[in-house]
Amino acid sequence: MATRKITITVPEELVESIKERVDPRGVSGYIAAAAAHQDAMDRLRELAERIEEEHGAVTNDDQQAALNRIAAMDSWHDKQRPHSDEAA
């Protein structure tokens, strides 16, 4: 992926907090990952708004059904993974 150097202004306390977690060359990557995450969340929000405009608002029952489906998939995936004591 092509990159572009830009200048941003970030609160000093935030920069210091980030530097405690990464080496000096990792700050750009850390901030780029945060920006990519925010971009993905913004795009997801835009998609949700378009879907809601087309199909109507999501009901509490719809939301709970989706959460139940996700929990069922997580449970299935957990059962597919070998446990660490079984893998040894």
C-alpha atoms as a PDB file:
ATOM      1  CA  MET A   1       0.000   0.000   0.000  1.00  0.00           C
ATOM      2  CA  ALA A   2       1.287   3.438  -0.886  1.00  0.00           C
ATOM      3  CA  THR A   3       1.876   5.807   2.000  1.00  0.00           C
ATOM      4  CA  ARG A   4       1.963   9.570   2.263  1.00  0.00           C
ATOM      5  CA  LYS A   5       3.691  11.654   4.870  1.00  0.00           C
ATOM      6  CA  ILE A   6       1.417  14.206   6.552  1.00  0.00           C
ATOM      7  CA  THR A   7       1.639  16.532   9.513  1.00  0.00           C
ATOM      8  CA  ILE A   8      -0.889  16.188  12.314  1.00  0.00           C
ATOM      9  CA  THR A   9      -1.347  17.862  15.662  1.00  0.00           C
ATOM     10  CA  VAL A  10      -1.850  15.526  18.616  1.00  0.00           C
ATOM     11  CA  PRO A  11      -2.046  16.365  22.312  1.00  0.00           C
ATOM     12  CA  GLU A  12       1.372  15.944  23.914  1.00  0.00           C
ATOM     13  CA  GLU A  13       0.005  13.626  26.627  1.00  0.00           C
ATOM     14  CA  LEU A  14      -1.363  11.302  23.958  1.00  0.00           C
ATOM     15  CA  VAL A  15       1.947  11.189  22.102  1.00  0.00           C
ATOM     16  CA  GLU A  16       3.784  10.354  25.330  1.00  0.00           C
ATOM     17  CA  SER A  17       1.268   7.623  26.132  1.00  0.00           C
ATOM     18  CA  ILE A  18       1.719   6.099  22.668  1.00  0.00           C
ATOM     19  CA  LYS A  19       5.522   6.285  22.910  1.00  0.00           C
ATOM     20  CA  GLU A  20       5.352   4.256  26.139  1.00  0.00           C
ATOM     21  CA  ARG A  21       3.799   1.422  24.141  1.00  0.00           C
ATOM     22  CA  VAL A  22       5.855   1.483  20.931  1.00  0.00           C
ATOM     23  CA  ASP A  23       9.361   2.382  19.822  1.00  0.00           C
ATOM     24  CA  PRO A  24       9.770   5.837  18.223  1.00  0.00           C
ATOM     25  CA  ARG A  25       9.420   4.480  14.684  1.00  0.00           C
ATOM     26  CA  GLY A  26       6.206   2.687  15.678  1.00  0.00           C
ATOM     27  CA  VAL A  27       4.270   5.867  16.480  1.00  0.00           C
ATOM     28  CA  SER A  28       3.277   6.391  12.837  1.00  0.00           C
ATOM     29  CA  GLY A  29       2.047   2.811  12.560  1.00  0.00           C
ATOM     30  CA  TYR A  30       0.106   3.136  15.793  1.00  0.00           C
ATOM     31  CA  ILE A  31      -1.592   6.334  14.646  1.00  0.00           C
ATOM     32  CA  ALA A  32      -2.216   4.893  11.163  1.00  0.00           C
ATOM     33  CA  ALA A  33      -3.895   1.838  12.738  1.00  0.00           C
ATOM     34  CA  ALA A  34      -6.070   4.112  14.887  1.00  0.00           C
ATOM     35  CA  ALA A  35      -7.053   6.156  11.823  1.00  0.00           C
ATOM     36  CA  ALA A  36      -7.817   2.966   9.855  1.00  0.00           C
ATOM     37  CA  HIS A  37     -10.011   1.736  12.700  1.00  0.00           C
ATOM     38  CA  GLN A  38     -11.908   5.036  12.815  1.00  0.00           C
ATOM     39  CA  ASP A  39     -12.325   4.981   9.026  1.00  0.00           C
ATOM     40  CA  ALA A  40     -13.757   1.449   9.208  1.00  0.00           C
ATOM     41  CA  MET A  41     -16.168   2.479  11.969  1.00  0.00           C
ATOM     42  CA  ASP A  42     -17.281   5.523   9.960  1.00  0.00           C
ATOM     43  CA  ARG A  43     -17.866   3.366   6.877  1.00  0.00           C
ATOM     44  CA  LEU A  44     -19.805   0.832   8.937  1.00  0.00           C
ATOM     45  CA  ARG A  45     -21.963   3.613  10.399  1.00  0.00           C
ATOM     46  CA  GLU A  46     -22.639   4.951   6.879  1.00  0.00           C
ATOM     47  CA  LEU A  47     -23.615   1.463   5.703  1.00  0.00           C
ATOM     48  CA  ALA A  48     -25.925   1.009   8.685  1.00  0.00           C
ATOM     49  CA  GLU A  49     -27.596   4.347   7.913  1.00  0.00           C
ATOM     50  CA  ARG A  50     -28.125   3.359   4.250  1.00  0.00           C
ATOM     51  CA  ILE A  51     -29.557  -0.010   5.265  1.00  0.00           C
ATOM     52  CA  GLU A  52     -31.847   1.651   7.799  1.00  0.00           C
ATOM     53  CA  GLU A  53     -33.070   4.127   5.160  1.00  0.00           C
ATOM     54  CA  GLU A  54     -33.849   1.255   2.790  1.00  0.00           C
ATOM     55  CA  HIS A  55     -35.245  -1.330   5.235  1.00  0.00           C
ATOM     56  CA  GLY A  56     -36.306   0.636   8.309  1.00  0.00           C
ATOM     57  CA  ALA A  57     -34.939   0.813  11.804  1.00  0.00           C
ATOM     58  CA  VAL A  58     -33.508  -2.253  13.516  1.00  0.00           C
ATOM     59  CA  THR A  59     -35.790  -3.398  16.318  1.00  0.00           C
ATOM     60  CA  ASN A  60     -34.585  -4.588  19.711  1.00  0.00           C
ATOM     61  CA  ASP A  61     -35.732  -8.096  18.727  1.00  0.00           C
ATOM     62  CA  ASP A  62     -33.668  -7.909  15.507  1.00  0.00           C
ATOM     63  CA  GLN A  63     -30.637  -6.748  17.450  1.00  0.00           C
ATOM     64  CA  GLN A  64     -31.009  -9.504  20.054  1.00  0.00           C
ATOM     65  CA  ALA A  65     -31.435 -12.127  17.319  1.00  0.00           C
ATOM     66  CA  ALA A  66     -28.196 -10.939  15.693  1.00  0.00           C
ATOM     67  CA  LEU A  67     -26.339 -11.034  19.026  1.00  0.00           C
ATOM     68  CA  ASN A  68     -27.666 -14.547  19.670  1.00  0.00           C
ATOM     69  CA  ARG A  69     -26.475 -15.646  16.228  1.00  0.00           C
ATOM     70  CA  ILE A  70     -23.005 -14.196  16.853  1.00  0.00           C
ATOM     71  CA  ALA A  71     -22.820 -15.948  20.236  1.00  0.00           C
ATOM     72  CA  ALA A  72     -23.808 -19.247  18.595  1.00  0.00           C
ATOM     73  CA  MET A  73     -21.104 -18.838  15.937  1.00  0.00           C
ATOM     74  CA  ASP A  74     -18.507 -17.985  18.603  1.00  0.00           C
ATOM     75  CA  SER A  75     -19.499 -21.077  20.560  1.00  0.00           C
ATOM     76  CA  TRP A  76     -19.237 -23.262  17.458  1.00  0.00           C
ATOM     77  CA  HIS A  77     -15.779 -21.864  16.641  1.00  0.00           C
ATOM     78  CA  ASP A  78     -14.633 -22.406  20.225  1.00  0.00           C
ATOM     79  CA  LYS A  79     -15.660 -26.063  19.973  1.00  0.00           C
ATOM     80  CA  GLN A  80     -13.675 -26.453  16.728  1.00  0.00           C
ATOM     81  CA  ARG A  81     -10.398 -25.282  18.273  1.00  0.00           C
ATOM     82  CA  PRO A  82      -8.227 -27.922  19.884  1.00  0.00           C
ATOM     83  CA  HIS A  83      -7.687 -27.182  23.556  1.00  0.00           C
ATOM     84  CA  SER A  84      -4.072 -26.528  24.536  1.00  0.00           C
ATOM     85  CA  ASP A  85      -3.983 -29.648  26.759  1.00  0.00           C
ATOM     86  CA  GLU A  86      -5.347 -31.785  23.884  1.00  0.00           C
ATOM     87  CA  ALA A  87      -2.816 -30.436  21.368  1.00  0.00           C
ATOM     88  CA  ALA A  88       0.163 -31.506  23.493  1.00  0.00           C
END
